[in-house]
């Protein structure tokens, strides 16, 4: 199907869709069209990551392995759904 045909089908669908479907379509497009964030250019964010890394390297912050984290999550799930 050509892009022109797809556009025509989409226009027809939008023109005939009810309000809730229009809102859902808009939300879908909005999510896809939202500008991406270049986090590596965010100086505040980078400073926070560097501070966390420093605290980890100096042994100030307690950390957990992936295995321990998964184990904890499974325990929490069992508590919620006995």
PDB file of N, CA and C in Angstrom:
ATOM      1  N   UNK A   1       0.854  -1.171   0.000  1.00  0.00           N
ATOM      2  CA  UNK A   1       0.000   0.000   0.000  1.00  0.00           C
ATOM      3  C   UNK A   1       0.902   1.236   0.000  1.00  0.00           C
ATOM      4  N   UNK A   2       0.560   2.183  -0.796  1.00  0.00           N
ATOM      5  CA  UNK A   2       1.374   3.399  -0.876  1.00  0.00           C
ATOM      6  C   UNK A   2       1.108   4.306   0.322  1.00  0.00           C
ATOM      7  N   UNK A   3       2.004   5.223   0.535  1.00  0.00           N
ATOM      8  CA  UNK A   3       1.841   6.186   1.634  1.00  0.00           C
ATOM      9  C   UNK A   3       0.591   7.024   1.399  1.00  0.00           C
ATOM     10  N   UNK A   4       0.347   7.393   0.164  1.00  0.00           N
ATOM     11  CA  UNK A   4      -0.849   8.192  -0.152  1.00  0.00           C
ATOM     12  C   UNK A   4      -2.113   7.411   0.190  1.00  0.00           C
ATOM     13  N   UNK A   5      -2.136   6.127  -0.105  1.00  0.00           N
ATOM     14  CA  UNK A   5      -3.309   5.301   0.208  1.00  0.00           C
ATOM     15  C   UNK A   5      -3.490   5.168   1.717  1.00  0.00           C
ATOM     16  N   UNK A   6      -2.382   5.020   2.423  1.00  0.00           N
ATOM     17  CA  UNK A   6      -2.453   4.921   3.890  1.00  0.00           C
ATOM     18  C   UNK A   6      -2.997   6.221   4.468  1.00  0.00           C
ATOM     19  N   UNK A   7      -2.512   7.352   3.967  1.00  0.00           N
ATOM     20  CA  UNK A   7      -3.013   8.650   4.443  1.00  0.00           C
ATOM     21  C   UNK A   7      -4.520   8.756   4.238  1.00  0.00           C
ATOM     22  N   UNK A   8      -4.965   8.356   3.064  1.00  0.00           N
ATOM     23  CA  UNK A   8      -6.388   8.438   2.746  1.00  0.00           C
ATOM     24  C   UNK A   8      -7.208   7.556   3.687  1.00  0.00           C
ATOM     25  N   UNK A   9      -6.727   6.346   3.943  1.00  0.00           N
ATOM     26  CA  UNK A   9      -7.438   5.451   4.873  1.00  0.00           C
ATOM     27  C   UNK A   9      -7.472   6.042   6.277  1.00  0.00           C
ATOM     28  N   UNK A  10      -6.345   6.588   6.711  1.00  0.00           N
ATOM     29  CA  UNK A  10      -6.292   7.190   8.051  1.00  0.00           C
ATOM     30  C   UNK A  10      -7.251   8.372   8.158  1.00  0.00           C
ATOM     31  N   UNK A  11      -7.273   9.223   7.146  1.00  0.00           N
ATOM     32  CA  UNK A  11      -8.201  10.362   7.158  1.00  0.00           C
ATOM     33  C   UNK A  11      -9.640   9.878   7.243  1.00  0.00           C
ATOM     34  N   UNK A  12      -9.970   8.869   6.478  1.00  0.00           N
ATOM     35  CA  UNK A  12     -11.325   8.323   6.515  1.00  0.00           C
ATOM     36  C   UNK A  12     -11.664   7.750   7.881  1.00  0.00           C
ATOM     37  N   UNK A  13     -10.709   7.038   8.469  1.00  0.00           N
ATOM     38  CA  UNK A  13     -10.942   6.462   9.791  1.00  0.00           C
ATOM     39  C   UNK A  13     -11.124   7.550  10.835  1.00  0.00           C
ATOM     40  N   UNK A  14     -10.273   8.554  10.792  1.00  0.00           N
ATOM     41  CA  UNK A  14     -10.354   9.651  11.764  1.00  0.00           C
ATOM     42  C   UNK A  14     -11.672  10.408  11.611  1.00  0.00           C
ATOM     43  N   UNK A  15     -12.072  10.649  10.378  1.00  0.00           N
ATOM     44  CA  UNK A  15     -13.315  11.377  10.138  1.00  0.00           C
ATOM     45  C   UNK A  15     -14.544  10.646  10.690  1.00  0.00           C
ATOM     46  N   UNK A  16     -14.481   9.317  10.735  1.00  0.00           N
ATOM     47  CA  UNK A  16     -15.656   8.564  11.179  1.00  0.00           C
ATOM     48  C   UNK A  16     -15.541   8.009  12.604  1.00  0.00           C
ATOM     49  N   UNK A  17     -14.398   8.180  13.246  1.00  0.00           N
ATOM     50  CA  UNK A  17     -14.183   7.613  14.584  1.00  0.00           C
ATOM     51  C   UNK A  17     -14.915   8.415  15.653  1.00  0.00           C
ATOM     52  N   UNK A  18     -15.317   7.709  16.723  1.00  0.00           N
ATOM     53  CA  UNK A  18     -15.968   8.409  17.834  1.00  0.00           C
ATOM     54  C   UNK A  18     -14.907   9.119  18.691  1.00  0.00           C
ATOM     55  N   UNK A  19     -15.381   9.930  19.639  1.00  0.00           N
ATOM     56  CA  UNK A  19     -14.483  10.774  20.430  1.00  0.00           C
ATOM     57  C   UNK A  19     -13.424   9.977  21.183  1.00  0.00           C
ATOM     58  N   UNK A  20     -13.814   8.857  21.791  1.00  0.00           N
ATOM     59  CA  UNK A  20     -12.835   8.096  22.579  1.00  0.00           C
ATOM     60  C   UNK A  20     -11.742   7.515  21.681  1.00  0.00           C
ATOM     61  N   UNK A  21     -12.118   7.076  20.479  1.00  0.00           N
ATOM     62  CA  UNK A  21     -11.109   6.551  19.563  1.00  0.00           C
ATOM     63  C   UNK A  21     -10.174   7.666  19.089  1.00  0.00           C
ATOM     64  N   UNK A  22     -10.717   8.843  18.856  1.00  0.00           N
ATOM     65  CA  UNK A  22      -9.886   9.975  18.447  1.00  0.00           C
ATOM     66  C   UNK A  22      -8.862  10.285  19.537  1.00  0.00           C
ATOM     67  N   UNK A  23      -9.297  10.263  20.795  1.00  0.00           N
ATOM     68  CA  UNK A  23      -8.373  10.528  21.897  1.00  0.00           C
ATOM     69  C   UNK A  23      -7.287   9.465  21.970  1.00  0.00           C
ATOM     70  N   UNK A  24      -7.663   8.211  21.749  1.00  0.00           N
ATOM     71  CA  UNK A  24      -6.674   7.127  21.770  1.00  0.00           C
ATOM     72  C   UNK A  24      -5.685   7.249  20.618  1.00  0.00           C
ATOM     73  N   UNK A  25      -6.189   7.583  19.452  1.00  0.00           N
ATOM     74  CA  UNK A  25      -5.310   7.777  18.292  1.00  0.00           C
ATOM     75  C   UNK A  25      -4.337   8.920  18.557  1.00  0.00           C
ATOM     76  N   UNK A  26      -4.854  10.004  19.105  1.00  0.00           N
ATOM     77  CA  UNK A  26      -4.010  11.155  19.403  1.00  0.00           C
ATOM     78  C   UNK A  26      -2.918  10.775  20.407  1.00  0.00           C
ATOM     79  N   UNK A  27      -3.294  10.037  21.457  1.00  0.00           N
ATOM     80  CA  UNK A  27      -2.327   9.624  22.472  1.00  0.00           C
ATOM     81  C   UNK A  27      -1.235   8.752  21.846  1.00  0.00           C
ATOM     82  N   UNK A  28      -1.621   7.879  20.954  1.00  0.00           N
ATOM     83  CA  UNK A  28      -0.648   7.023  20.275  1.00  0.00           C
ATOM     84  C   UNK A  28       0.335   7.868  19.462  1.00  0.00           C
ATOM     85  N   UNK A  29      -0.182   8.786  18.680  1.00  0.00           N
ATOM     86  CA  UNK A  29       0.686   9.642  17.877  1.00  0.00           C
ATOM     87  C   UNK A  29       1.534  10.552  18.747  1.00  0.00           C
ATOM     88  N   UNK A  30       0.956  11.072  19.794  1.00  0.00           N
ATOM     89  CA  UNK A  30       1.690  11.975  20.685  1.00  0.00           C
ATOM     90  C   UNK A  30       2.884  11.249  21.296  1.00  0.00           C
ATOM     91  N   UNK A  31       2.687   9.998  21.713  1.00  0.00           N
ATOM     92  CA  UNK A  31       3.789   9.218  22.274  1.00  0.00           C
ATOM     93  C   UNK A  31       4.889   9.004  21.244  1.00  0.00           C
ATOM     94  N   UNK A  32       4.488   8.728  20.019  1.00  0.00           N
ATOM     95  CA  UNK A  32       5.462   8.452  18.965  1.00  0.00           C
ATOM     96  C   UNK A  32       6.170   9.714  18.469  1.00  0.00           C
ATOM     97  N   UNK A  33       5.491  10.845  18.522  1.00  0.00           N
ATOM     98  CA  UNK A  33       6.041  12.075  17.977  1.00  0.00           C
ATOM     99  C   UNK A  33       6.724  12.946  19.020  1.00  0.00           C
ATOM    100  N   UNK A  34       6.644  12.550  20.284  1.00  0.00           N
ATOM    101  CA  UNK A  34       7.263  13.352  21.337  1.00  0.00           C
ATOM    102  C   UNK A  34       8.770  13.450  21.078  1.00  0.00           C
ATOM    103  N   UNK A  35       9.312  14.619  21.269  1.00  0.00           N
ATOM    104  CA  UNK A  35      10.754  14.760  21.009  1.00  0.00           C
ATOM    105  C   UNK A  35      11.558  13.902  21.976  1.00  0.00           C
ATOM    106  N   UNK A  36      12.601  13.295  21.475  1.00  0.00           N
ATOM    107  CA  UNK A  36      13.443  12.481  22.344  1.00  0.00           C
ATOM    108  C   UNK A  36      14.287  13.412  23.207  1.00  0.00           C
ATOM    109  N   UNK A  37      14.665  12.903  24.348  1.00  0.00           N
ATOM    110  CA  UNK A  37      15.464  13.695  25.280  1.00  0.00           C
ATOM    111  C   UNK A  37      16.916  13.271  25.134  1.00  0.00           C
ATOM    112  N   UNK A  38      17.770  14.225  24.904  1.00  0.00           N
ATOM    113  CA  UNK A  38      19.199  13.961  24.835  1.00  0.00           C
ATOM    114  C   UNK A  38      19.773  14.114  26.239  1.00  0.00           C
ATOM    115  N   UNK A  39      19.606  13.056  27.057  1.00  0.00           N
ATOM    116  CA  UNK A  39      19.977  13.141  28.465  1.00  0.00           C
ATOM    117  C   UNK A  39      21.455  13.432  28.656  1.00  0.00           C
ATOM    118  N   UNK A  40      22.285  13.012  27.716  1.00  0.00           N
ATOM    119  CA  UNK A  40      23.721  13.243  27.862  1.00  0.00           C
ATOM    120  C   UNK A  40      24.088  14.721  27.714  1.00  0.00           C
ATOM    121  N   UNK A  41      23.130  15.536  27.269  1.00  0.00           N
ATOM    122  CA  UNK A  41      23.373  16.974  27.171  1.00  0.00           C
ATOM    123  C   UNK A  41      22.788  17.730  28.368  1.00  0.00           C
ATOM    124  N   UNK A  42      22.118  17.015  29.258  1.00  0.00           N
ATOM    125  CA  UNK A  42      21.515  17.617  30.444  1.00  0.00           C
ATOM    126  C   UNK A  42      22.558  17.638  31.561  1.00  0.00           C
ATOM    127  N   UNK A  43      23.161  18.812  31.807  1.00  0.00           N
ATOM    128  CA  UNK A  43      24.256  18.924  32.764  1.00  0.00           C
ATOM    129  C   UNK A  43      23.844  18.528  34.184  1.00  0.00           C
ATOM    130  N   UNK A  44      22.608  18.865  34.556  1.00  0.00           N
ATOM    131  CA  UNK A  44      22.130  18.508  35.888  1.00  0.00           C
ATOM    132  C   UNK A  44      22.020  16.993  36.041  1.00  0.00           C
ATOM    133  N   UNK A  45      21.480  16.348  35.031  1.00  0.00           N
ATOM    134  CA  UNK A  45      21.320  14.902  35.063  1.00  0.00           C
ATOM    135  C   UNK A  45      22.682  14.205  35.108  1.00  0.00           C
ATOM    136  N   UNK A  46      23.607  14.665  34.290  1.00  0.00           N
ATOM    137  CA  UNK A  46      24.947  14.080  34.263  1.00  0.00           C
ATOM    138  C   UNK A  46      25.629  14.272  35.615  1.00  0.00           C
ATOM    139  N   UNK A  47      25.459  15.446  36.218  1.00  0.00           N
ATOM    140  CA  UNK A  47      26.047  15.700  37.538  1.00  0.00           C
ATOM    141  C   UNK A  47      25.469  14.738  38.574  1.00  0.00           C
ATOM    142  N   UNK A  48      24.175  14.470  38.497  1.00  0.00           N
ATOM    143  CA  UNK A  48      23.541  13.528  39.422  1.00  0.00           C
ATOM    144  C   UNK A  48      24.104  12.121  39.233  1.00  0.00           C
ATOM    145  N   UNK A  49      24.260  11.688  37.981  1.00  0.00           N
ATOM    146  CA  UNK A  49      24.836  10.365  37.715  1.00  0.00           C
ATOM    147  C   UNK A  49      26.265  10.271  38.241  1.00  0.00           C
ATOM    148  N   UNK A  50      27.039  11.320  38.026  1.00  0.00           N
ATOM    149  CA  UNK A  50      28.414  11.321  38.504  1.00  0.00           C
ATOM    150  C   UNK A  50      28.479  11.273  40.026  1.00  0.00           C
ATOM    151  N   UNK A  51      27.573  12.000  40.677  1.00  0.00           N
ATOM    152  CA  UNK A  51      27.533  11.982  42.146  1.00  0.00           C
ATOM    153  C   UNK A  51      27.147  10.600  42.649  1.00  0.00           C
ATOM    154  N   UNK A  52      26.193   9.967  42.031  1.00  0.00           N
ATOM    155  CA  UNK A  52      25.797   8.615  42.435  1.00  0.00           C
ATOM    156  C   UNK A  52      26.946   7.635  42.233  1.00  0.00           C
ATOM    157  N   UNK A  53      27.654   7.770  41.117  1.00  0.00           N
ATOM    158  CA  UNK A  53      28.790   6.903  40.844  1.00  0.00           C
ATOM    159  C   UNK A  53      29.881   7.102  41.893  1.00  0.00           C
ATOM    160  N   UNK A  54      30.132   8.360  42.233  1.00  0.00           N
ATOM    161  CA  UNK A  54      31.148   8.659  43.251  1.00  0.00           C
ATOM    162  C   UNK A  54      30.783   8.015  44.579  1.00  0.00           C
ATOM    163  N   UNK A  55      29.525   8.171  44.974  1.00  0.00           N
ATOM    164  CA  UNK A  55      29.067   7.610  46.246  1.00  0.00           C
ATOM    165  C   UNK A  55      29.160   6.084  46.236  1.00  0.00           C
ATOM    166  N   UNK A  56      28.876   5.471  45.093  1.00  0.00           N
ATOM    167  CA  UNK A  56      29.000   4.018  44.958  1.00  0.00           C
ATOM    168  C   UNK A  56      30.465   3.607  45.067  1.00  0.00           C
ATOM    169  N   UNK A  57      31.336   4.294  44.318  1.00  0.00           N
ATOM    170  CA  UNK A  57      32.763   3.958  44.301  1.00  0.00           C
ATOM    171  C   UNK A  57      33.393   4.116  45.689  1.00  0.00           C
ATOM    172  N   UNK A  58      32.943   5.103  46.456  1.00  0.00           N
ATOM    173  CA  UNK A  58      33.502   5.349  47.786  1.00  0.00           C
ATOM    174  C   UNK A  58      32.844   4.495  48.863  1.00  0.00           C
ATOM    175  N   UNK A  59      31.880   3.668  48.483  1.00  0.00           N
ATOM    176  CA  UNK A  59      31.232   2.782  49.443  1.00  0.00           C
ATOM    177  C   UNK A  59      30.228   3.486  50.334  1.00  0.00           C
ATOM    178  N   UNK A  60      29.799   4.676  49.957  1.00  0.00           N
ATOM    179  CA  UNK A  60      28.852   5.457  50.759  1.00  0.00           C
ATOM    180  C   UNK A  60      27.435   4.900  50.586  1.00  0.00           C
ATOM    181  N   UNK A  61      27.096   4.547  49.350  1.00  0.00           N
ATOM    182  CA  UNK A  61      25.752   4.052  49.048  1.00  0.00           C
ATOM    183  C   UNK A  61      25.739   2.538  49.022  1.00  0.00           C
ATOM    184  N   UNK A  62      24.693   1.975  49.581  1.00  0.00           N
ATOM    185  CA  UNK A  62      24.524   0.531  49.546  1.00  0.00           C
ATOM    186  C   UNK A  62      23.966   0.163  48.173  1.00  0.00           C
ATOM    187  N   UNK A  63      24.509  -0.884  47.582  1.00  0.00           N
ATOM    188  CA  UNK A  63      24.028  -1.327  46.283  1.00  0.00           C
ATOM    189  C   UNK A  63      23.616  -2.792  46.355  1.00  0.00           C
ATOM    190  N   UNK A  64      22.881  -3.222  45.346  1.00  0.00           N
ATOM    191  CA  UNK A  64      22.395  -4.591  45.299  1.00  0.00           C
ATOM    192  C   UNK A  64      22.705  -5.192  43.935  1.00  0.00           C
ATOM    193  N   UNK A  65      22.987  -6.474  43.931  1.00  0.00           N
ATOM    194  CA  UNK A  65      23.201  -7.165  42.662  1.00  0.00           C
ATOM    195  C   UNK A  65      21.853  -7.365  41.985  1.00  0.00           C
ATOM    196  N   UNK A  66      21.903  -7.656  40.704  1.00  0.00           N
ATOM    197  CA  UNK A  66      20.675  -7.932  39.969  1.00  0.00           C
ATOM    198  C   UNK A  66      19.970  -9.150  40.563  1.00  0.00           C
ATOM    199  N   UNK A  67      20.735 -10.158  40.932  1.00  0.00           N
ATOM    200  CA  UNK A  67      20.143 -11.362  41.516  1.00  0.00           C
ATOM    201  C   UNK A  67      19.406 -11.044  42.817  1.00  0.00           C
ATOM    202  N   UNK A  68      20.038 -10.239  43.683  1.00  0.00           N
ATOM    203  CA  UNK A  68      19.392  -9.859  44.956  1.00  0.00           C
ATOM    204  C   UNK A  68      18.130  -9.036  44.696  1.00  0.00           C
ATOM    205  N   UNK A  69      18.190  -8.164  43.713  1.00  0.00           N
ATOM    206  CA  UNK A  69      17.024  -7.341  43.379  1.00  0.00           C
ATOM    207  C   UNK A  69      15.885  -8.216  42.884  1.00  0.00           C
ATOM    208  N   UNK A  70      16.173  -9.173  42.017  1.00  0.00           N
ATOM    209  CA  UNK A  70      15.146 -10.095  41.519  1.00  0.00           C
ATOM    210  C   UNK A  70      14.553 -10.906  42.669  1.00  0.00           C
ATOM    211  N   UNK A  71      15.410 -11.360  43.574  1.00  0.00           N
ATOM    212  CA  UNK A  71      14.959 -12.127  44.728  1.00  0.00           C
ATOM    213  C   UNK A  71      14.008 -11.289  45.582  1.00  0.00           C
ATOM    214  N   UNK A  72      14.373 -10.041  45.834  1.00  0.00           N
ATOM    215  CA  UNK A  72      13.534  -9.148  46.624  1.00  0.00           C
ATOM    216  C   UNK A  72      12.186  -8.931  45.938  1.00  0.00           C
ATOM    217  N   UNK A  73      12.215  -8.740  44.623  1.00  0.00           N
ATOM    218  CA  UNK A  73      10.968  -8.531  43.874  1.00  0.00           C
ATOM    219  C   UNK A  73      10.062  -9.761  43.950  1.00  0.00           C
ATOM    220  N   UNK A  74      10.643 -10.937  43.852  1.00  0.00           N
ATOM    221  CA  UNK A  74       9.844 -12.168  43.957  1.00  0.00           C
ATOM    222  C   UNK A  74       9.227 -12.285  45.351  1.00  0.00           C
ATOM    223  N   UNK A  75       9.971 -11.934  46.374  1.00  0.00           N
ATOM    224  CA  UNK A  75       9.450 -11.970  47.740  1.00  0.00           C
ATOM    225  C   UNK A  75       8.281 -11.005  47.893  1.00  0.00           C
ATOM    226  N   UNK A  76       8.418  -9.807  47.332  1.00  0.00           N
ATOM    227  CA  UNK A  76       7.341  -8.823  47.417  1.00  0.00           C
ATOM    228  C   UNK A  76       6.106  -9.309  46.672  1.00  0.00           C
ATOM    229  N   UNK A  77       6.308  -9.938  45.516  1.00  0.00           N
ATOM    230  CA  UNK A  77       5.196 -10.463  44.741  1.00  0.00           C
ATOM    231  C   UNK A  77       4.458 -11.555  45.520  1.00  0.00           C
ATOM    232  N   UNK A  78       5.225 -12.424  46.188  1.00  0.00           N
ATOM    233  CA  UNK A  78       4.592 -13.493  46.994  1.00  0.00           C
ATOM    234  C   UNK A  78       3.793 -12.913  48.160  1.00  0.00           C
ATOM    235  N   UNK A  79       4.305 -11.833  48.749  1.00  0.00           N
ATOM    236  CA  UNK A  79       3.586 -11.194  49.855  1.00  0.00           C
ATOM    237  C   UNK A  79       2.265 -10.601  49.381  1.00  0.00           C
ATOM    238  N   UNK A  80       2.260 -10.043  48.163  1.00  0.00           N
ATOM    239  CA  UNK A  80       1.057  -9.427  47.624  1.00  0.00           C
ATOM    240  C   UNK A  80       0.059 -10.459  47.121  1.00  0.00           C
ATOM    241  N   UNK A  81       0.550 -11.589  46.635  1.00  0.00           N
ATOM    242  CA  UNK A  81      -0.301 -12.636  46.067  1.00  0.00           C
ATOM    243  C   UNK A  81       0.025 -13.983  46.699  1.00  0.00           C
ATOM    244  N   UNK A  82      -0.361 -14.152  47.978  1.00  0.00           N
ATOM    245  CA  UNK A  82      -0.002 -15.416  48.664  1.00  0.00           C
ATOM    246  C   UNK A  82      -0.666 -16.638  48.046  1.00  0.00           C
TER     247      UNK A  82
END
